[in-house]
Amino acid sequence: MKYEKMCPKCNGKECIKNGIVNNKQRYLCKHCKYNFTRVTCWKYSDEVRHKAFELYLEGNGFRRIERLIHVSHMSVINWVKQLASTIQQIPKKNEKVDVLELDEMCISSKKNMALDCCEQKD
């Protein structure tokens, strides 16, 4: 299973279905006996998050990660943003750059316009 039901009160993982309230599924935590109906009780496991981070750091796009591990690309985006907010500011170094790699293409917005922005200029 790629996600777990977690109790919002004690973070217990042993939650069972416990009826329906206002057309929403109700759950009961076996550990603390807390009833809850929040949809946000579904959380992906740490292994799935770790795999998503690995794929992101390898250079895969969010939608490709979505297809590979069957997780919403918005979840992956939120995880990356959340992780980035915990990282302290990285100091900038003034070093000479010998090689620069770019991963974006220059694309024209008009059909017949030449891609002169990609041409090397003197």
C-alpha atoms as a PDB file:
ATOM      1  CA  MET A   1       0.000   0.000   0.000  1.00  0.00           C
ATOM      2  CA  LYS A   2       1.467   3.368  -0.966  1.00  0.00           C
ATOM      3  CA  TYR A   3      -0.319   5.420   1.687  1.00  0.00           C
ATOM      4  CA  GLU A   4      -1.299   5.001   5.285  1.00  0.00           C
ATOM      5  CA  LYS A   5      -4.248   6.143   7.372  1.00  0.00           C
ATOM      6  CA  MET A   6      -2.927   8.134  10.286  1.00  0.00           C
ATOM      7  CA  CYS A   7      -4.750   9.424  13.337  1.00  0.00           C
ATOM      8  CA  PRO A   8      -4.544  13.244  13.500  1.00  0.00           C
ATOM      9  CA  LYS A   9      -4.423  13.083  17.310  1.00  0.00           C
ATOM     10  CA  CYS A  10      -1.752  10.475  18.084  1.00  0.00           C
ATOM     11  CA  ASN A  11      -0.377   9.684  14.573  1.00  0.00           C
ATOM     12  CA  GLY A  12      -1.383   6.090  15.125  1.00  0.00           C
ATOM     13  CA  LYS A  13      -1.425   3.932  12.002  1.00  0.00           C
ATOM     14  CA  GLU A  14      -4.081   1.468  13.108  1.00  0.00           C
ATOM     15  CA  CYS A  15      -7.252   3.201  11.909  1.00  0.00           C
ATOM     16  CA  ILE A  16     -10.396   1.357  10.901  1.00  0.00           C
ATOM     17  CA  LYS A  17     -13.607   2.458   9.226  1.00  0.00           C
ATOM     18  CA  ASN A  18     -16.261   3.464  11.756  1.00  0.00           C
ATOM     19  CA  GLY A  19     -19.421   4.474   9.919  1.00  0.00           C
ATOM     20  CA  ILE A  20     -20.374   7.471   7.791  1.00  0.00           C
ATOM     21  CA  VAL A  21     -21.159  11.011   8.984  1.00  0.00           C
ATOM     22  CA  ASN A  22     -22.513  13.686   6.590  1.00  0.00           C
ATOM     23  CA  ASN A  23     -21.679  11.436   3.619  1.00  0.00           C
ATOM     24  CA  LYS A  24     -18.030  11.218   4.737  1.00  0.00           C
ATOM     25  CA  GLN A  25     -16.229   8.096   5.887  1.00  0.00           C
ATOM     26  CA  ARG A  26     -15.525   8.059   9.606  1.00  0.00           C
ATOM     27  CA  TYR A  27     -12.458   6.367  11.104  1.00  0.00           C
ATOM     28  CA  LEU A  28     -11.563   5.103  14.574  1.00  0.00           C
ATOM     29  CA  CYS A  29      -8.009   4.978  15.867  1.00  0.00           C
ATOM     30  CA  LYS A  30      -7.446   1.651  17.633  1.00  0.00           C
ATOM     31  CA  HIS A  31      -4.686   3.162  19.761  1.00  0.00           C
ATOM     32  CA  CYS A  32      -6.349   6.253  21.272  1.00  0.00           C
ATOM     33  CA  LYS A  33     -10.012   5.527  20.344  1.00  0.00           C
ATOM     34  CA  TYR A  34     -10.308   8.891  18.552  1.00  0.00           C
ATOM     35  CA  ASN A  35     -13.011   9.233  15.863  1.00  0.00           C
ATOM     36  CA  PHE A  36     -12.243  11.447  12.889  1.00  0.00           C
ATOM     37  CA  THR A  37     -13.606  12.130   9.414  1.00  0.00           C
ATOM     38  CA  ARG A  38     -10.950  14.372   7.899  1.00  0.00           C
ATOM     39  CA  VAL A  39      -9.873  13.528   4.393  1.00  0.00           C
ATOM     40  CA  THR A  40      -6.349  14.708   5.216  1.00  0.00           C
ATOM     41  CA  CYS A  41      -5.779  11.603   7.306  1.00  0.00           C
ATOM     42  CA  TRP A  42      -4.243   9.898   4.246  1.00  0.00           C
ATOM     43  CA  LYS A  43      -0.478  10.190   4.174  1.00  0.00           C
ATOM     44  CA  TYR A  44       2.086   8.608   1.902  1.00  0.00           C
ATOM     45  CA  SER A  45       4.694   6.424   3.529  1.00  0.00           C
ATOM     46  CA  ASP A  46       8.245   7.642   4.077  1.00  0.00           C
ATOM     47  CA  GLU A  47       9.494   5.181   1.454  1.00  0.00           C
ATOM     48  CA  VAL A  48       7.296   6.770  -1.226  1.00  0.00           C
ATOM     49  CA  ARG A  49       8.443  10.272  -0.266  1.00  0.00           C
ATOM     50  CA  HIS A  50      12.078   9.158  -0.272  1.00  0.00           C
ATOM     51  CA  LYS A  51      11.685   7.622  -3.739  1.00  0.00           C
ATOM     52  CA  ALA A  52      10.038  10.830  -5.008  1.00  0.00           C
ATOM     53  CA  PHE A  53      12.946  12.914  -3.662  1.00  0.00           C
ATOM     54  CA  GLU A  54      15.471  10.570  -5.284  1.00  0.00           C
ATOM     55  CA  LEU A  55      13.725  10.836  -8.646  1.00  0.00           C
ATOM     56  CA  TYR A  56      13.490  14.623  -8.330  1.00  0.00           C
ATOM     57  CA  LEU A  57      17.173  14.968  -7.469  1.00  0.00           C
ATOM     58  CA  GLU A  58      18.063  12.764 -10.453  1.00  0.00           C
ATOM     59  CA  GLY A  59      16.464  15.396 -12.672  1.00  0.00           C
ATOM     60  CA  ASN A  60      13.042  13.880 -13.363  1.00  0.00           C
ATOM     61  CA  GLY A  61      10.088  16.219 -13.780  1.00  0.00           C
ATOM     62  CA  PHE A  62       7.109  16.218 -11.446  1.00  0.00           C
ATOM     63  CA  ARG A  63       4.743  14.609 -13.953  1.00  0.00           C
ATOM     64  CA  ARG A  64       7.261  11.882 -14.774  1.00  0.00           C
ATOM     65  CA  ILE A  65       7.566  11.127 -11.052  1.00  0.00           C
ATOM     66  CA  GLU A  66       3.765  11.000 -10.947  1.00  0.00           C
ATOM     67  CA  ARG A  67       3.759   8.349 -13.666  1.00  0.00           C
ATOM     68  CA  LEU A  68       6.603   6.333 -12.153  1.00  0.00           C
ATOM     69  CA  ILE A  69       5.415   6.018  -8.555  1.00  0.00           C
ATOM     70  CA  HIS A  70       1.685   6.735  -8.996  1.00  0.00           C
ATOM     71  CA  VAL A  71       1.613   9.808  -6.745  1.00  0.00           C
ATOM     72  CA  SER A  72       0.012  13.115  -7.651  1.00  0.00           C
ATOM     73  CA  HIS A  73       2.531  15.564  -9.099  1.00  0.00           C
ATOM     74  CA  MET A  74       1.100  18.229  -6.773  1.00  0.00           C
ATOM     75  CA  SER A  75       2.003  16.049  -3.792  1.00  0.00           C
ATOM     76  CA  VAL A  76       5.583  15.814  -5.050  1.00  0.00           C
ATOM     77  CA  ILE A  77       5.718  19.593  -5.616  1.00  0.00           C
ATOM     78  CA  ASN A  78       4.447  20.215  -2.081  1.00  0.00           C
ATOM     79  CA  TRP A  79       6.989  17.769  -0.618  1.00  0.00           C
ATOM     80  CA  VAL A  80       9.852  19.484  -2.449  1.00  0.00           C
ATOM     81  CA  LYS A  81       8.666  22.930  -1.332  1.00  0.00           C
ATOM     82  CA  GLN A  82       8.332  21.697   2.240  1.00  0.00           C
ATOM     83  CA  LEU A  83      11.827  20.208   2.193  1.00  0.00           C
ATOM     84  CA  ALA A  84      13.313  23.328   0.584  1.00  0.00           C
ATOM     85  CA  SER A  85      11.852  25.526   3.320  1.00  0.00           C
ATOM     86  CA  THR A  86      13.731  23.514   5.964  1.00  0.00           C
ATOM     87  CA  ILE A  87      17.098  23.905   4.250  1.00  0.00           C
ATOM     88  CA  GLN A  88      19.128  26.890   5.344  1.00  0.00           C
ATOM     89  CA  GLN A  89      20.338  29.467   2.838  1.00  0.00           C
ATOM     90  CA  ILE A  90      23.270  28.055   0.883  1.00  0.00           C
ATOM     91  CA  PRO A  91      26.172  30.527   0.682  1.00  0.00           C
ATOM     92  CA  LYS A  92      27.091  31.623  -2.833  1.00  0.00           C
ATOM     93  CA  LYS A  93      30.617  31.012  -4.055  1.00  0.00           C
ATOM     94  CA  ASN A  94      32.363  33.226  -6.565  1.00  0.00           C
ATOM     95  CA  GLU A  95      34.069  30.633  -8.703  1.00  0.00           C
ATOM     96  CA  LYS A  96      35.018  30.603 -12.356  1.00  0.00           C
ATOM     97  CA  VAL A  97      32.687  28.383 -14.387  1.00  0.00           C
ATOM     98  CA  ASP A  98      34.342  26.229 -17.064  1.00  0.00           C
ATOM     99  CA  VAL A  99      31.309  24.231 -18.199  1.00  0.00           C
ATOM    100  CA  LEU A 100      27.672  25.246 -17.995  1.00  0.00           C
ATOM    101  CA  GLU A 101      24.899  22.758 -18.713  1.00  0.00           C
ATOM    102  CA  LEU A 102      21.382  23.893 -19.600  1.00  0.00           C
ATOM    103  CA  ASP A 103      18.332  21.682 -19.594  1.00  0.00           C
ATOM    104  CA  GLU A 104      15.798  24.015 -21.208  1.00  0.00           C
ATOM    105  CA  MET A 105      15.166  24.608 -24.908  1.00  0.00           C
ATOM    106  CA  CYS A 106      14.548  27.927 -26.555  1.00  0.00           C
ATOM    107  CA  ILE A 107      11.130  27.710 -28.180  1.00  0.00           C
ATOM    108  CA  SER A 108       9.537  30.370 -30.338  1.00  0.00           C
ATOM    109  CA  SER A 109       5.980  31.467 -29.641  1.00  0.00           C
ATOM    110  CA  LYS A 110       5.194  31.950 -33.350  1.00  0.00           C
ATOM    111  CA  LYS A 111       4.968  29.078 -35.801  1.00  0.00           C
ATOM    112  CA  ASN A 112       7.194  30.398 -38.600  1.00  0.00           C
ATOM    113  CA  MET A 113       9.609  32.500 -36.572  1.00  0.00           C
ATOM    114  CA  ALA A 114      13.232  31.341 -36.596  1.00  0.00           C
ATOM    115  CA  LEU A 115      14.706  30.211 -33.330  1.00  0.00           C
ATOM    116  CA  ASP A 116      17.310  32.961 -33.354  1.00  0.00           C
ATOM    117  CA  CYS A 117      17.541  33.033 -29.560  1.00  0.00           C
ATOM    118  CA  CYS A 118      19.185  29.608 -29.691  1.00  0.00           C
ATOM    119  CA  GLU A 119      21.777  30.623 -32.236  1.00  0.00           C
ATOM    120  CA  GLN A 120      25.207  31.488 -30.995  1.00  0.00           C
ATOM    121  CA  LYS A 121      25.863  35.232 -31.050  1.00  0.00           C
ATOM    122  CA  ASP A 122      29.215  37.001 -31.020  1.00  0.00           C
END
